[in-house]
N, C-alpha and C. Protein backbone atom coordinates (compact mmCIF):
# COMPACT_ATOMS: atom_id res chain seq x y z
N MET A 1 0.71 -1.24 -0.08
CA MET A 1 0.25 -0.16 -0.05
C MET A 1 0.83 1.41 0.09
N PRO A 2 0.08 2.22 -0.91
CA PRO A 2 1.13 3.66 -0.70
C PRO A 2 0.60 4.50 0.55
N PRO A 3 2.00 5.44 1.24
CA PRO A 3 1.59 5.21 2.59
C PRO A 3 1.03 6.55 2.44
N ASP A 4 0.48 7.27 3.65
CA ASP A 4 -0.11 8.04 3.97
C ASP A 4 -0.12 9.05 5.23
N THR A 5 1.22 8.75 4.80
CA THR A 5 2.10 9.95 5.85
C THR A 5 3.37 10.12 5.80
N VAL A 6 3.59 11.08 5.86
CA VAL A 6 4.88 11.42 5.54
C VAL A 6 5.62 12.82 6.10
N ILE A 7 6.67 12.01 7.06
CA ILE A 7 7.05 13.04 7.84
C ILE A 7 8.58 13.72 6.56
N PHE A 8 9.03 14.66 7.78
CA PHE A 8 9.52 15.96 7.07
C PHE A 8 10.98 15.84 8.09
N ASP A 9 11.84 16.10 7.44
CA ASP A 9 13.40 16.75 8.56
C ASP A 9 13.22 18.01 8.31
N LEU A 10 13.14 18.96 8.66
CA LEU A 10 12.94 20.38 8.81
C LEU A 10 14.77 21.57 7.94
N GLY A 11 15.41 20.58 8.93
CA GLY A 11 16.87 21.59 8.20
C GLY A 11 17.03 21.10 6.68
N LYS A 12 17.97 21.60 6.04
CA LYS A 12 17.95 21.56 4.39
C LYS A 12 17.26 20.62 4.11
N VAL A 13 16.67 20.51 4.50
CA VAL A 13 15.05 19.72 3.41
C VAL A 13 14.09 20.98 3.35
N LEU A 14 13.44 20.93 4.59
CA LEU A 14 12.80 22.51 4.25
C LEU A 14 13.16 24.42 4.48
N ILE A 15 14.13 24.15 5.22
CA ILE A 15 15.06 25.55 5.57
C ILE A 15 15.94 25.67 5.04
N ASP A 16 16.24 26.44 4.44
CA ASP A 16 17.57 26.94 4.31
C ASP A 16 19.13 26.99 5.55
N TRP A 17 19.10 26.10 6.71
CA TRP A 17 20.11 26.38 7.61
C TRP A 17 21.85 25.36 6.97
N ASP A 18 22.89 27.07 7.56
CA ASP A 18 24.33 26.34 6.98
C ASP A 18 24.82 27.05 8.00
N PRO A 19 26.03 26.93 8.54
CA PRO A 19 26.44 27.72 9.59
C PRO A 19 27.70 28.71 8.74
N ARG A 20 27.68 28.55 7.18
CA ARG A 20 28.22 29.25 6.19
C ARG A 20 27.52 30.62 6.42
N HIS A 21 26.00 30.53 6.11
CA HIS A 21 25.58 32.11 5.63
C HIS A 21 26.39 32.80 6.46
N LEU A 22 26.05 32.89 7.53
CA LEU A 22 26.92 33.99 8.82
C LEU A 22 28.37 33.53 8.66
N TYR A 23 28.97 32.61 8.62
CA TYR A 23 30.38 32.42 8.60
C TYR A 23 31.21 33.16 7.83
N ARG A 24 30.74 33.10 6.23
CA ARG A 24 31.17 34.13 5.18
C ARG A 24 31.30 35.51 5.55
N LYS A 25 30.25 35.81 6.82
CA LYS A 25 30.61 37.34 6.45
C LYS A 25 31.56 37.29 7.76
N LEU A 26 31.92 36.62 8.39
CA LEU A 26 32.80 37.48 9.44
C LEU A 26 34.33 36.88 9.35
N PHE A 27 34.43 35.73 8.00
CA PHE A 27 35.55 35.72 7.73
C PHE A 27 36.00 36.84 6.02
N ALA A 28 35.15 37.34 5.48
CA ALA A 28 35.25 38.10 4.60
C ALA A 28 36.01 37.39 3.73
N GLY A 29 35.58 36.65 2.84
CA GLY A 29 35.52 36.19 2.51
C GLY A 29 37.31 35.08 1.76
N ASP A 30 37.33 34.73 3.59
CA ASP A 30 38.56 33.80 3.52
C ASP A 30 37.92 32.20 3.35
N ASP A 31 37.67 31.75 2.53
CA ASP A 31 36.69 30.67 2.78
C ASP A 31 37.55 29.74 3.56
N ALA A 32 39.27 29.79 3.17
CA ALA A 32 39.73 27.87 3.58
C ALA A 32 39.60 28.49 5.26
N ALA A 33 39.78 29.15 6.11
CA ALA A 33 39.82 30.26 7.15
C ALA A 33 38.87 29.86 7.86
N MET A 34 37.66 30.02 7.22
CA MET A 34 36.37 29.52 7.88
C MET A 34 36.00 28.08 7.37
N GLU A 35 36.75 27.22 6.43
CA GLU A 35 36.42 26.33 6.52
C GLU A 35 37.14 25.56 8.20
N ARG A 36 38.78 25.66 7.76
CA ARG A 36 39.15 25.51 9.28
C ARG A 36 38.49 25.43 10.40
N PHE A 37 37.97 26.78 10.40
CA PHE A 37 37.26 27.51 12.02
C PHE A 37 35.86 26.33 12.26
N LEU A 38 34.94 25.95 11.09
CA LEU A 38 33.90 24.85 10.74
C LEU A 38 34.26 23.92 11.39
N ALA A 39 35.53 23.49 10.70
CA ALA A 39 35.74 21.97 10.99
C ALA A 39 36.60 21.55 12.27
N THR A 40 36.64 23.05 12.84
CA THR A 40 37.83 23.04 14.34
C THR A 40 37.26 23.43 15.38
N VAL A 41 36.97 23.77 15.15
CA VAL A 41 36.18 24.99 16.26
C VAL A 41 34.80 24.61 16.94
N VAL A 42 33.91 24.88 15.97
CA VAL A 42 32.09 24.70 15.66
C VAL A 42 32.11 23.58 14.53
N THR A 43 32.22 22.56 15.54
CA THR A 43 32.04 21.27 14.37
C THR A 43 30.74 21.14 14.43
N GLY A 44 30.79 20.13 13.76
CA GLY A 44 29.11 19.03 13.49
C GLY A 44 29.07 18.64 14.93
N ALA A 45 29.73 17.64 15.95
CA ALA A 45 29.43 17.20 16.68
C ALA A 45 29.71 17.74 18.21
N TRP A 46 29.98 19.40 17.70
CA TRP A 46 30.10 20.28 19.17
C TRP A 46 28.72 20.55 18.82
N ASN A 47 27.74 20.76 18.02
CA ASN A 47 26.57 21.62 17.50
C ASN A 47 25.10 20.93 17.64
N ALA A 48 25.77 19.06 17.37
CA ALA A 48 24.21 18.44 17.50
C ALA A 48 24.42 17.84 19.15
N GLU A 49 25.46 18.24 20.01
CA GLU A 49 25.33 18.23 21.93
C GLU A 49 24.04 19.04 22.19
N GLN A 50 23.88 20.32 21.67
CA GLN A 50 23.23 21.47 21.49
C GLN A 50 21.49 20.88 20.74
N ASP A 51 21.72 19.99 19.92
CA ASP A 51 20.77 20.01 19.60
C ASP A 51 20.19 18.56 20.15
N ARG A 52 20.81 18.04 21.16
CA ARG A 52 20.67 16.71 21.98
C ARG A 52 19.59 17.55 23.05
N GLY A 53 19.97 18.38 23.66
CA GLY A 53 19.52 19.72 24.85
C GLY A 53 19.87 20.00 25.21
N ARG A 54 22.00 20.29 25.53
CA ARG A 54 22.73 20.94 25.95
C ARG A 54 22.68 22.57 25.37
N PRO A 55 22.52 23.19 27.12
CA PRO A 55 22.14 24.67 26.64
C PRO A 55 23.38 25.80 26.24
N PHE A 56 23.26 25.93 25.42
CA PHE A 56 24.17 27.30 24.75
C PHE A 56 24.97 27.69 25.78
N ALA A 57 24.81 28.25 26.86
CA ALA A 57 26.13 28.38 28.05
C ALA A 57 26.89 28.06 27.95
N GLU A 58 26.18 27.12 27.85
CA GLU A 58 27.85 25.85 28.61
C GLU A 58 28.64 25.27 27.34
N ALA A 59 27.78 25.24 26.05
CA ALA A 59 28.67 24.85 24.90
C ALA A 59 29.32 26.13 24.62
N ILE A 60 28.90 27.17 24.64
CA ILE A 60 29.90 28.20 24.25
C ILE A 60 31.29 28.61 25.47
N ALA A 61 30.44 28.38 26.77
CA ALA A 61 31.67 28.16 27.93
C ALA A 61 33.13 27.35 27.42
N LEU A 62 32.17 26.51 27.27
CA LEU A 62 33.51 25.35 26.82
C LEU A 62 34.04 25.67 25.78
N LEU A 63 33.89 26.44 24.61
CA LEU A 63 34.62 26.84 23.19
C LEU A 63 35.58 27.72 23.55
N ARG A 64 34.95 28.57 24.58
CA ARG A 64 35.94 30.25 24.58
C ARG A 64 37.20 29.38 25.78
N ALA A 65 36.80 28.16 26.21
CA ALA A 65 38.14 27.72 27.13
C ALA A 65 38.39 27.04 26.62
N SER A 66 38.87 27.14 25.89
CA SER A 66 39.67 26.14 25.21
C SER A 66 40.44 26.45 23.63
N HIS A 67 39.74 27.82 22.91
CA HIS A 67 40.08 28.25 21.86
C HIS A 67 39.73 29.84 22.39
N PRO A 68 40.28 29.86 23.61
CA PRO A 68 40.29 32.27 24.04
C PRO A 68 40.62 32.68 22.35
N GLY A 69 41.39 32.22 21.67
CA GLY A 69 41.36 33.56 20.70
C GLY A 69 40.70 33.65 19.79
N GLN A 70 39.14 33.17 20.14
CA GLN A 70 38.30 33.06 18.59
C GLN A 70 36.99 33.26 19.54
N ALA A 71 37.00 33.80 20.49
CA ALA A 71 35.97 34.27 21.50
C ALA A 71 34.97 35.26 20.34
N PRO A 72 35.27 36.13 19.81
CA PRO A 72 34.39 36.25 19.22
C PRO A 72 33.17 36.03 18.22
N LEU A 73 34.33 34.65 17.45
CA LEU A 73 34.05 34.13 16.33
C LEU A 73 32.82 32.78 16.62
N ILE A 74 33.19 32.41 18.43
CA ILE A 74 32.41 31.47 18.80
C ILE A 74 31.08 31.64 19.40
N ASP A 75 31.02 33.35 19.95
CA ASP A 75 29.70 34.13 20.55
C ASP A 75 28.96 34.22 19.54
N ALA A 76 29.36 34.19 18.21
CA ALA A 76 28.28 34.18 17.53
C ALA A 76 27.84 33.64 16.77
N TYR A 77 27.82 32.27 17.20
CA TYR A 77 27.87 30.80 16.47
C TYR A 77 25.80 31.58 16.86
N HIS A 78 25.92 31.80 18.36
CA HIS A 78 24.83 31.63 19.66
C HIS A 78 24.17 32.62 19.31
N LEU A 79 25.21 34.17 19.25
CA LEU A 79 24.47 35.67 19.21
C LEU A 79 23.53 35.56 18.06
N ARG A 80 24.78 35.75 16.63
CA ARG A 80 24.03 35.96 15.92
C ARG A 80 23.51 34.35 14.93
N TRP A 81 22.46 32.97 15.79
CA TRP A 81 22.13 32.25 15.07
C TRP A 81 21.34 32.56 13.59
N PRO A 82 20.24 32.88 14.16
CA PRO A 82 19.13 33.59 13.10
C PRO A 82 19.54 33.87 11.69
N GLU A 83 21.14 34.21 11.36
CA GLU A 83 21.82 34.58 9.90
C GLU A 83 22.16 33.18 9.41
N MET A 84 21.97 32.21 9.93
CA MET A 84 22.42 30.94 9.64
C MET A 84 20.93 30.30 9.03
N MET A 85 19.92 31.16 8.70
CA MET A 85 18.93 29.85 8.51
C MET A 85 18.16 31.84 7.68
N PRO A 86 18.34 31.46 6.54
CA PRO A 86 18.31 32.22 5.65
C PRO A 86 16.94 33.07 5.02
N GLY A 87 16.57 31.64 5.06
CA GLY A 87 14.92 31.25 4.21
C GLY A 87 14.93 29.87 4.23
N GLU A 88 13.81 29.75 3.45
CA GLU A 88 13.73 28.39 3.58
C GLU A 88 13.63 28.10 2.51
N ILE A 89 13.69 27.12 2.05
CA ILE A 89 13.82 26.16 0.35
C ILE A 89 11.85 26.13 -0.43
N ALA A 90 12.28 27.11 -1.14
CA ALA A 90 10.44 27.65 -1.15
C ALA A 90 9.93 25.63 -2.02
N GLY A 91 11.25 25.22 -3.24
CA GLY A 91 10.50 24.22 -3.91
C GLY A 91 10.16 22.81 -3.10
N THR A 92 10.44 22.22 -2.26
CA THR A 92 9.98 21.96 -0.78
C THR A 92 8.45 22.12 -0.49
N VAL A 93 8.70 23.60 0.31
CA VAL A 93 7.86 23.58 0.55
C VAL A 93 6.34 23.61 -0.78
N ALA A 94 7.07 24.09 -1.10
CA ALA A 94 5.72 23.86 -2.54
C ALA A 94 5.14 22.33 -2.70
N ILE A 95 6.00 21.98 -1.76
CA ILE A 95 5.13 20.52 -1.76
C ILE A 95 5.11 19.50 -0.70
N LEU A 96 5.04 20.87 0.55
CA LEU A 96 4.47 20.22 1.73
C LEU A 96 2.87 20.70 1.76
N ARG A 97 3.08 21.94 0.82
CA ARG A 97 1.18 22.09 1.15
C ARG A 97 0.86 21.49 0.20
N GLU A 98 1.26 20.80 -1.33
CA GLU A 98 0.78 20.48 -1.67
C GLU A 98 -0.35 18.83 -0.96
N LEU A 99 0.64 18.29 -0.57
CA LEU A 99 0.80 16.65 0.35
C LEU A 99 -0.55 17.47 1.05
N HIS A 100 -0.59 18.92 1.77
CA HIS A 100 -1.33 19.31 2.93
C HIS A 100 -2.23 19.21 1.74
N ALA A 101 -2.66 19.68 1.05
CA ALA A 101 -4.42 20.07 0.20
C ALA A 101 -4.41 18.65 -0.11
N ALA A 102 -3.58 17.80 -0.43
CA ALA A 102 -4.21 16.03 -0.83
C ALA A 102 -4.36 15.46 0.22
N GLY A 103 -4.72 15.98 1.47
CA GLY A 103 -5.12 14.90 2.87
C GLY A 103 -3.67 14.59 3.79
N LEU A 104 -2.20 14.32 2.75
CA LEU A 104 -1.88 13.34 3.49
C LEU A 104 -1.63 13.71 4.96
N ALA A 105 -1.27 12.62 6.15
CA ALA A 105 -0.93 13.08 7.34
C ALA A 105 0.60 13.66 7.45
N LEU A 106 1.00 14.52 7.77
CA LEU A 106 2.69 15.42 7.45
C LEU A 106 2.44 15.28 9.24
N HIS A 107 4.30 15.02 9.40
CA HIS A 107 4.75 15.31 10.48
C HIS A 107 6.37 15.77 10.35
N ALA A 108 7.03 15.69 11.33
CA ALA A 108 8.08 16.40 11.49
C ALA A 108 9.19 15.99 12.40
N ILE A 109 10.25 15.94 11.88
CA ILE A 109 10.83 14.98 13.10
C ILE A 109 12.23 15.80 13.63
N THR A 110 12.95 16.88 14.28
CA THR A 110 14.07 17.84 13.52
C THR A 110 15.47 17.35 15.06
N ASN A 111 16.65 17.25 13.98
CA ASN A 111 17.83 17.51 15.32
C ASN A 111 17.63 19.24 15.30
N TRP A 112 17.52 19.54 16.29
CA TRP A 112 16.85 21.42 16.34
C TRP A 112 17.05 21.31 18.34
N SER A 113 18.42 22.51 18.05
CA SER A 113 18.27 23.21 20.31
C SER A 113 17.06 23.75 20.26
N ALA A 114 16.97 23.28 21.38
CA ALA A 114 15.62 23.61 21.72
C ALA A 114 15.24 25.29 22.07
N GLU A 115 16.47 26.03 22.21
CA GLU A 115 16.41 27.47 22.47
C GLU A 115 16.79 27.92 20.91
N THR A 116 17.38 27.51 19.49
CA THR A 116 16.92 28.14 18.66
C THR A 116 15.56 27.87 17.58
N TYR A 117 15.56 26.43 18.66
CA TYR A 117 13.96 26.52 17.17
C TYR A 117 12.87 27.01 17.44
N PRO A 118 12.91 28.04 18.50
CA PRO A 118 11.31 28.76 18.59
C PRO A 118 11.79 30.41 17.04
N PHE A 119 12.96 30.53 16.79
CA PHE A 119 12.89 31.39 15.97
C PHE A 119 12.25 30.87 14.45
N ALA A 120 12.48 29.14 13.93
CA ALA A 120 12.13 28.96 12.79
C ALA A 120 10.25 28.73 12.87
N VAL A 121 9.90 28.84 13.97
CA VAL A 121 8.36 28.77 14.61
C VAL A 121 8.06 30.13 14.02
N ALA A 122 8.16 30.98 14.52
CA ALA A 122 8.58 32.38 14.39
C ALA A 122 8.56 32.90 12.85
N ARG A 123 9.38 32.30 12.10
CA ARG A 123 9.40 32.76 10.51
C ARG A 123 8.55 31.93 9.91
N PHE A 124 8.30 30.55 9.66
CA PHE A 124 7.66 29.85 9.06
C PHE A 124 6.09 29.63 9.10
N ASP A 125 5.29 30.18 8.97
CA ASP A 125 3.72 29.77 9.08
C ASP A 125 3.14 28.32 8.76
N TRP A 126 4.28 28.23 7.71
CA TRP A 126 3.98 26.86 7.05
C TRP A 126 4.33 25.39 8.28
N LEU A 127 4.60 25.53 9.01
CA LEU A 127 5.50 24.81 10.65
C LEU A 127 4.04 24.28 10.63
N ASP A 128 2.79 24.82 10.74
CA ASP A 128 1.14 24.51 11.20
C ASP A 128 0.79 23.49 10.49
N LEU A 129 1.42 23.49 9.62
CA LEU A 129 0.33 21.99 8.41
C LEU A 129 0.95 20.67 8.75
N PHE A 130 1.91 20.53 9.92
CA PHE A 130 2.28 19.80 10.31
C PHE A 130 1.76 19.57 12.14
N ARG A 131 0.98 17.78 11.83
CA ARG A 131 0.36 17.12 12.80
C ARG A 131 1.19 17.39 14.68
N SER A 132 2.33 17.45 14.01
CA SER A 132 3.50 16.77 14.55
C SER A 132 4.86 17.26 14.38
N ILE A 133 5.42 17.89 15.18
CA ILE A 133 7.07 17.88 15.08
C ILE A 133 7.62 18.09 16.48
N THR A 134 8.96 16.04 16.61
CA THR A 134 9.36 16.60 17.18
C THR A 134 10.74 16.93 17.26
N VAL A 135 11.08 17.53 18.16
CA VAL A 135 12.35 18.20 17.97
C VAL A 135 13.34 18.04 19.36
N SER A 136 14.60 17.53 18.64
CA SER A 136 15.22 16.84 19.73
C SER A 136 15.66 17.22 20.98
N GLY A 137 16.25 18.55 20.76
CA GLY A 137 16.10 18.97 22.13
C GLY A 137 15.37 19.72 22.57
N HIS A 138 13.86 19.43 22.34
CA HIS A 138 13.47 18.55 23.57
C HIS A 138 13.18 17.66 24.26
N GLU A 139 13.74 16.61 23.52
CA GLU A 139 13.91 15.17 23.86
C GLU A 139 14.61 14.80 24.47
N ARG A 140 15.83 15.45 24.01
CA ARG A 140 17.15 14.99 24.78
C ARG A 140 18.05 13.68 23.48
N LEU A 141 16.90 13.44 22.59
CA LEU A 141 17.69 12.12 21.85
C LEU A 141 17.60 13.34 20.50
N ILE A 142 18.65 12.58 19.69
CA ILE A 142 18.68 12.96 18.06
C ILE A 142 18.85 11.80 17.27
N LYS A 143 18.27 11.83 16.10
CA LYS A 143 18.39 11.18 15.07
C LYS A 143 20.02 10.93 15.01
N PRO A 144 20.38 10.06 14.40
CA PRO A 144 20.19 8.80 14.39
C PRO A 144 19.59 8.17 15.22
N ASP A 145 19.47 8.00 15.92
CA ASP A 145 19.10 7.28 17.26
C ASP A 145 17.62 6.50 17.21
N PRO A 146 17.54 4.94 17.42
CA PRO A 146 16.27 4.77 16.26
C PRO A 146 15.42 5.33 18.38
N ALA A 147 15.66 5.45 18.84
CA ALA A 147 14.60 5.72 20.20
C ALA A 147 13.93 7.61 19.77
N ILE A 148 13.89 8.13 19.16
CA ILE A 148 13.40 9.62 18.70
C ILE A 148 12.80 9.09 17.57
N PHE A 149 13.20 7.79 16.73
CA PHE A 149 12.35 7.87 15.86
C PHE A 149 10.45 6.54 16.81
N THR A 150 11.30 6.16 17.48
CA THR A 150 10.45 5.26 17.92
C THR A 150 9.60 6.19 19.37
N LEU A 151 9.80 7.25 19.53
CA LEU A 151 8.87 7.88 20.95
C LEU A 151 7.90 8.57 19.73
N MET A 152 8.69 9.31 18.18
CA MET A 152 7.47 10.08 17.66
C MET A 152 6.33 8.51 16.90
N LEU A 153 6.38 7.65 16.31
CA LEU A 153 6.07 6.81 15.87
C LEU A 153 5.03 6.39 17.14
N GLU A 154 5.04 6.25 18.45
CA GLU A 154 4.59 6.12 19.11
C GLU A 154 3.65 6.73 20.49
N ARG A 155 4.34 7.99 20.31
CA ARG A 155 3.59 9.27 20.32
C ARG A 155 2.13 9.99 19.70
N GLN A 156 1.87 9.31 18.52
CA GLN A 156 1.51 9.63 17.49
C GLN A 156 1.16 8.44 16.73
N ARG A 157 0.68 7.20 17.36
CA ARG A 157 0.14 6.01 17.20
C ARG A 157 0.54 6.03 15.55
N LEU A 158 1.65 6.26 15.12
CA LEU A 158 1.78 5.49 13.18
C LEU A 158 2.37 4.84 13.45
N ALA A 159 1.92 3.68 12.18
CA ALA A 159 2.31 2.57 11.79
C ALA A 159 3.55 2.97 10.68
N ALA A 160 4.73 2.09 11.25
CA ALA A 160 5.98 2.69 10.19
C ALA A 160 5.73 2.10 8.92
N GLU A 161 4.96 1.23 8.47
CA GLU A 161 5.09 0.68 7.35
C GLU A 161 3.86 1.86 6.45
N ARG A 162 3.69 2.52 7.42
CA ARG A 162 2.56 3.39 6.29
C ARG A 162 3.20 4.50 6.47
N CYS A 163 4.20 4.87 6.95
CA CYS A 163 5.12 5.99 6.40
C CYS A 163 5.85 6.29 6.04
N LEU A 164 6.36 7.49 5.11
CA LEU A 164 7.84 8.03 4.59
C LEU A 164 8.61 9.04 5.41
N PHE A 165 10.01 8.36 5.07
CA PHE A 165 10.28 9.58 6.21
C PHE A 165 11.18 10.43 4.77
N ILE A 166 11.64 11.70 5.34
CA ILE A 166 12.41 12.32 4.44
C ILE A 166 13.50 12.78 4.71
N ASP A 167 14.82 13.02 4.51
CA ASP A 167 16.14 13.26 5.28
C ASP A 167 16.81 13.71 4.78
N ASP A 168 17.84 14.78 4.85
CA ASP A 168 19.43 14.83 3.93
C ASP A 168 20.10 13.96 4.83
N ASN A 169 20.77 13.25 5.47
CA ASN A 169 21.00 12.55 6.24
C ASN A 169 21.20 11.25 6.29
N ALA A 170 22.18 11.08 5.66
CA ALA A 170 21.50 9.53 4.69
C ALA A 170 22.09 8.23 6.13
N ASP A 171 22.28 8.07 7.85
CA ASP A 171 22.67 7.66 8.63
C ASP A 171 21.36 7.79 9.20
N ASN A 172 20.48 8.91 8.86
CA ASN A 172 19.01 9.17 9.69
C ASN A 172 17.77 7.99 8.88
N VAL A 173 18.13 8.47 7.73
CA VAL A 173 17.91 7.82 6.56
C VAL A 173 17.57 5.82 6.85
N LEU A 174 18.72 5.42 6.92
CA LEU A 174 18.59 4.19 7.34
C LEU A 174 18.30 4.05 8.53
N ALA A 175 18.26 4.98 9.23
CA ALA A 175 17.79 4.23 10.39
C ALA A 175 16.38 4.42 10.55
N ALA A 176 15.93 5.19 9.65
CA ALA A 176 14.47 4.78 9.82
C ALA A 176 13.40 4.04 8.92
N THR A 177 14.53 3.57 7.98
CA THR A 177 14.23 1.98 7.15
C THR A 177 14.92 1.15 8.59
N ARG A 178 15.72 1.17 8.69
CA ARG A 178 15.48 -0.65 9.78
C ARG A 178 14.38 -0.64 10.70
N LEU A 179 13.83 0.59 10.82
CA LEU A 179 12.51 0.64 11.61
C LEU A 179 11.20 0.61 10.85
N GLY A 180 11.42 -0.05 8.97
CA GLY A 180 9.93 -0.15 9.05
C GLY A 180 9.68 0.89 8.67
N LEU A 181 9.71 1.73 8.39
CA LEU A 181 9.57 3.48 7.42
C LEU A 181 10.17 3.54 6.12
N ARG A 182 9.77 4.05 5.13
CA ARG A 182 10.23 3.95 4.24
C ARG A 182 11.71 5.11 3.92
N GLY A 183 12.03 4.84 3.44
CA GLY A 183 13.00 5.99 3.99
C GLY A 183 13.49 6.67 1.95
N VAL A 184 13.21 8.29 2.31
CA VAL A 184 14.34 9.42 1.23
C VAL A 184 15.34 10.04 1.79
N MET A 185 15.81 9.78 0.58
CA MET A 185 16.86 10.59 0.74
C MET A 185 16.99 12.31 0.29
N PHE A 186 17.00 12.95 0.41
CA PHE A 186 16.68 14.47 0.02
C PHE A 186 17.98 14.57 -0.71
N THR A 187 17.67 14.87 -1.63
CA THR A 187 19.15 15.80 -2.42
C THR A 187 18.37 16.94 -3.05
N SER A 188 16.88 17.30 -3.58
CA SER A 188 16.39 18.41 -4.37
C SER A 188 15.06 18.60 -4.41
N ALA A 189 14.14 19.27 -4.34
CA ALA A 189 12.99 19.35 -4.88
C ALA A 189 12.01 18.53 -5.61
N GLU A 190 12.70 18.52 -6.61
CA GLU A 190 12.64 18.00 -7.87
C GLU A 190 13.22 16.41 -7.40
N ALA A 191 14.17 15.89 -6.86
CA ALA A 191 14.15 14.55 -7.02
C ALA A 191 12.72 14.17 -5.98
N LEU A 192 12.76 14.85 -5.22
CA LEU A 192 11.90 14.18 -3.86
C LEU A 192 10.37 14.55 -4.93
N ARG A 193 10.04 15.04 -5.89
CA ARG A 193 8.64 14.70 -6.32
C ARG A 193 8.59 13.53 -6.99
N VAL A 194 9.58 13.31 -7.89
CA VAL A 194 9.37 11.86 -8.32
C VAL A 194 9.49 10.58 -7.41
N THR A 195 10.20 11.12 -7.07
CA THR A 195 9.62 10.00 -5.85
C THR A 195 8.73 9.70 -5.12
N LEU A 196 8.49 10.82 -4.67
CA LEU A 196 7.01 10.24 -4.11
C LEU A 196 5.68 10.35 -5.31
N ARG A 197 6.17 10.36 -6.16
CA ARG A 197 5.18 9.88 -7.55
C ARG A 197 5.73 8.26 -7.73
N GLN A 198 6.19 7.73 -7.78
CA GLN A 198 7.13 6.19 -7.62
C GLN A 198 6.41 5.64 -6.47
N GLU A 199 6.60 6.36 -4.79
CA GLU A 199 6.49 5.26 -3.76
C GLU A 199 4.77 5.88 -3.92
N GLY A 200 4.17 6.28 -4.96
CA GLY A 200 1.96 5.90 -5.26
C GLY A 200 1.95 6.93 -4.57
N VAL A 201 2.44 7.78 -3.79
CA VAL A 201 1.40 9.27 -2.62
C VAL A 201 1.39 9.91 -4.20
N VAL A 202 0.00 10.14 -3.83
CA VAL A 202 -0.64 10.94 -4.86
C VAL A 202 -1.44 12.52 -4.10
N PHE A 203 -0.79 13.68 -5.27
CA PHE A 203 -0.52 14.36 -4.26
C PHE A 203 -0.64 15.77 -5.59
């Protein structure tokens, strides 16, 4: 049977989020220095702990202690966080609206700090189209931990085999498929539209 529920990731699927949007300004065109900073200071692993629920004040203090010469750049990660999120990914949001209009059940599960997630809520009214949004920072669980998928499925009383899950991270997609959901690796809105049709989703 075709899926009757579509579960979206948010960042880099529906919302354009990337620290580079901010740090290109701060590094004044020195992309090599920016990439070194992102790879060695405000790393993905460091950011993931905020997604898991660690307070930004604690996270910033840890980095300031280990990289004192980088304090202003470290502080900017929190103080200027909205500049990392310049807008929506219009093509995917259009698909979301079409799915909603077609009557599909829509949910979201996102790795996102509880402190910064309100910026998205204030900015994107289409988040109201989701019947539920599971935010990792609230639950203190992050993808690809199977526990966060199980929590969402049980809380929303969803049958995994009737759900199609969309994410830009291959590990997250794999974790979902291991629990019985249909996983789709997001690369572009155009490719997603084709895949949804192939999966039998009518919208």
